N, C-alpha and C. Protein backbone atom coordinates (compact mmCIF):
# COMPACT_ATOMS: atom_id res chain seq x y z
N MET A 1 107.55 53.82 136.46
CA MET A 1 108.22 53.00 135.89
C MET A 1 110.00 53.63 136.42
N SER A 2 110.56 52.81 136.61
CA SER A 2 112.05 53.54 137.44
C SER A 2 112.52 54.54 136.20
N ASP A 3 113.59 55.05 136.77
CA ASP A 3 114.64 55.51 136.05
C ASP A 3 115.40 54.72 135.08
N ARG A 4 115.85 53.88 136.09
CA ARG A 4 116.28 52.42 134.87
C ARG A 4 115.75 52.00 133.71
N ALA A 5 114.30 51.54 134.33
CA ALA A 5 113.54 51.13 133.42
C ALA A 5 113.52 51.79 132.48
N ASN A 6 113.02 53.37 132.29
CA ASN A 6 112.79 54.53 131.39
C ASN A 6 114.06 54.30 130.44
N GLN A 7 115.44 54.16 130.95
CA GLN A 7 116.55 54.54 130.24
C GLN A 7 116.86 53.32 129.37
N LEU A 8 116.13 52.07 129.62
CA LEU A 8 116.57 50.38 128.93
C LEU A 8 115.45 51.04 128.01
N LEU A 9 114.27 51.13 128.27
CA LEU A 9 113.26 50.93 127.37
C LEU A 9 113.75 52.10 125.99
N GLU A 10 114.10 53.20 126.43
CA GLU A 10 114.45 54.29 125.62
C GLU A 10 115.66 53.63 124.66
N GLU A 11 116.83 52.67 125.04
CA GLU A 11 117.97 52.09 124.45
C GLU A 11 117.18 51.39 123.35
N ILE A 12 116.32 50.44 123.83
CA ILE A 12 115.45 49.46 123.06
C ILE A 12 115.08 50.10 121.74
N VAL A 13 114.19 51.10 122.05
CA VAL A 13 113.33 52.30 120.80
C VAL A 13 114.48 52.26 120.01
N GLN A 14 115.53 52.98 120.85
CA GLN A 14 117.02 53.21 119.26
C GLN A 14 117.14 52.44 118.66
N ARG A 15 117.78 51.19 118.92
CA ARG A 15 118.14 50.53 118.40
C ARG A 15 117.30 49.68 117.28
N VAL A 16 115.82 49.52 118.09
CA VAL A 16 114.98 49.21 117.03
C VAL A 16 114.95 50.50 115.57
N LYS A 17 114.68 51.59 116.17
CA LYS A 17 114.81 52.61 114.98
C LYS A 17 115.82 52.54 114.27
N ASP A 18 117.40 52.33 114.85
CA ASP A 18 118.17 52.03 113.91
C ASP A 18 118.81 51.01 112.70
N ILE A 19 118.06 49.69 113.47
CA ILE A 19 118.01 48.45 112.66
C ILE A 19 116.89 48.64 111.47
N LEU A 20 115.96 49.30 111.97
CA LEU A 20 114.98 49.53 110.90
C LEU A 20 115.18 51.19 109.71
N LYS A 21 116.03 51.85 110.44
CA LYS A 21 116.79 53.07 109.44
C LYS A 21 115.36 53.90 109.44
N ALA A 22 114.54 53.84 110.66
CA ALA A 22 113.23 54.65 110.37
C ALA A 22 113.33 55.69 111.05
N GLU A 23 112.61 56.90 110.72
CA GLU A 23 112.64 58.47 111.13
C GLU A 23 112.09 58.56 112.89
N THR A 24 110.97 57.52 113.21
CA THR A 24 110.88 57.59 114.66
C THR A 24 110.28 55.78 114.80
N ALA A 25 110.77 55.60 115.76
CA ALA A 25 109.99 53.94 116.75
C ALA A 25 109.58 54.53 117.65
N VAL A 26 108.53 53.94 118.34
CA VAL A 26 107.43 53.85 119.48
C VAL A 26 107.61 52.48 120.10
N VAL A 27 107.45 52.82 121.37
CA VAL A 27 106.92 51.35 122.13
C VAL A 27 105.63 51.75 122.55
N ALA A 28 104.64 51.05 122.36
CA ALA A 28 102.83 51.66 122.77
C ALA A 28 102.87 50.49 123.46
N GLU A 29 101.88 50.81 124.55
CA GLU A 29 101.30 49.58 125.41
C GLU A 29 99.74 49.62 125.31
N VAL A 30 98.85 48.74 125.85
CA VAL A 30 97.65 48.11 126.25
C VAL A 30 97.34 49.01 127.52
N GLU A 31 96.25 50.02 127.76
CA GLU A 31 95.67 50.47 129.18
C GLU A 31 94.56 49.89 128.93
N GLU A 32 93.58 49.29 130.14
CA GLU A 32 92.22 49.20 130.05
C GLU A 32 91.95 48.84 129.48
N GLU A 33 92.24 47.79 128.03
CA GLU A 33 91.76 47.60 126.91
C GLU A 33 91.16 48.20 126.06
N GLU A 34 91.18 49.62 126.20
CA GLU A 34 90.59 50.35 125.14
C GLU A 34 91.75 51.67 124.86
N VAL A 35 92.82 51.45 126.05
CA VAL A 35 93.69 52.96 125.18
C VAL A 35 95.05 52.62 125.23
N LEU A 36 95.78 52.85 124.99
CA LEU A 36 96.58 52.97 123.93
C LEU A 36 97.66 54.15 124.68
N ASN A 37 98.94 53.72 125.26
CA ASN A 37 100.00 54.69 126.09
C ASN A 37 100.94 54.59 125.37
N TYR A 38 101.61 55.51 124.68
CA TYR A 38 103.13 55.66 124.01
C TYR A 38 103.95 55.82 125.05
N ALA A 39 104.45 54.89 125.47
CA ALA A 39 105.37 54.87 126.62
C ALA A 39 106.62 55.49 126.01
N GLU A 40 107.18 55.24 125.04
CA GLU A 40 108.69 55.64 124.77
C GLU A 40 108.59 56.18 123.50
N ALA A 41 109.20 56.79 122.65
CA ALA A 41 109.47 57.34 121.18
C ALA A 41 110.90 58.26 121.15
N VAL A 42 111.72 57.73 120.36
CA VAL A 42 112.71 58.41 119.65
C VAL A 42 112.65 59.03 118.33
N GLY A 43 113.48 59.81 118.07
CA GLY A 43 113.74 60.12 116.30
C GLY A 43 112.86 61.34 116.52
N LYS A 44 112.66 61.80 114.84
CA LYS A 44 111.96 63.21 114.48
C LYS A 44 110.55 63.66 114.94
N HIS A 45 109.84 62.58 115.13
CA HIS A 45 108.36 62.60 115.87
C HIS A 45 108.32 62.58 117.11
N ALA A 46 109.09 62.15 118.30
CA ALA A 46 109.18 61.64 119.16
C ALA A 46 108.44 62.55 120.60
N GLN A 47 109.08 64.11 120.12
CA GLN A 47 108.53 65.04 121.36
C GLN A 47 107.26 64.90 121.09
N VAL A 48 106.30 64.91 119.72
CA VAL A 48 104.96 64.90 119.60
C VAL A 48 103.99 63.83 120.09
N ILE A 49 104.93 62.56 119.91
CA ILE A 49 104.33 61.02 120.35
C ILE A 49 104.64 60.84 122.08
N ASN A 50 105.71 60.89 122.02
CA ASN A 50 105.98 60.65 123.90
C ASN A 50 105.32 60.66 124.80
N GLY A 51 104.76 59.54 125.71
CA GLY A 51 103.85 59.88 126.72
C GLY A 51 102.18 60.46 126.35
N ASN A 52 102.06 59.96 125.47
CA ASN A 52 100.68 60.04 124.67
C ASN A 52 99.73 59.05 125.06
N ARG A 53 98.60 59.31 125.05
CA ARG A 53 97.27 58.26 125.48
C ARG A 53 96.15 58.59 124.17
N GLY A 54 95.82 57.36 124.06
CA GLY A 54 94.37 57.97 123.13
C GLY A 54 93.64 56.21 123.17
N ALA A 55 92.71 56.52 122.84
CA ALA A 55 91.61 55.17 122.25
C ALA A 55 92.25 54.40 121.37
N ILE A 56 92.39 53.06 121.03
CA ILE A 56 92.68 52.12 120.34
C ILE A 56 92.49 52.41 118.85
N ALA A 57 90.91 52.48 119.01
CA ALA A 57 90.10 52.75 117.87
C ALA A 57 90.53 53.89 116.77
N ASN A 58 91.15 54.88 117.41
CA ASN A 58 91.62 55.91 116.42
C ASN A 58 93.08 56.34 116.33
N SER A 59 94.09 55.11 116.85
CA SER A 59 95.22 55.27 116.97
C SER A 59 95.82 55.28 115.74
N GLY A 60 95.40 54.40 114.51
CA GLY A 60 96.02 53.71 113.49
C GLY A 60 96.80 52.71 113.51
N VAL A 61 96.94 52.18 114.91
CA VAL A 61 97.90 50.89 114.76
C VAL A 61 96.77 49.75 114.57
N CYS A 62 97.25 49.01 113.72
CA CYS A 62 96.59 47.49 113.10
C CYS A 62 96.34 46.80 114.28
N GLY A 63 95.20 45.99 114.55
CA GLY A 63 95.28 45.15 115.33
C GLY A 63 95.98 44.31 115.70
N ARG A 64 96.38 43.76 114.63
CA ARG A 64 97.47 42.24 114.55
C ARG A 64 98.68 43.09 115.81
N ALA A 65 99.31 44.06 115.31
CA ALA A 65 100.04 44.73 116.27
C ALA A 65 99.65 44.90 117.86
N ILE A 66 98.06 45.49 118.00
CA ILE A 66 98.48 45.29 119.43
C ILE A 66 97.79 44.11 120.14
N GLU A 67 97.74 42.91 119.18
CA GLU A 67 97.56 41.58 119.79
C GLU A 67 99.20 41.27 120.59
């Protein structure tokens, strides 16, 4: 992703976090049908989450959110 795309994604996640008054907000994308990539995170737990990848089955994200 380009620097500008990364910047826009971070701005969007920050706005969502602010609207929801959440500690942390995350944008995740599905890769290879079984892998979840945490593309961007902002807030309290962002440093631990940002850029991680893992199995969807173990992600804790509900199937409806993945659809």
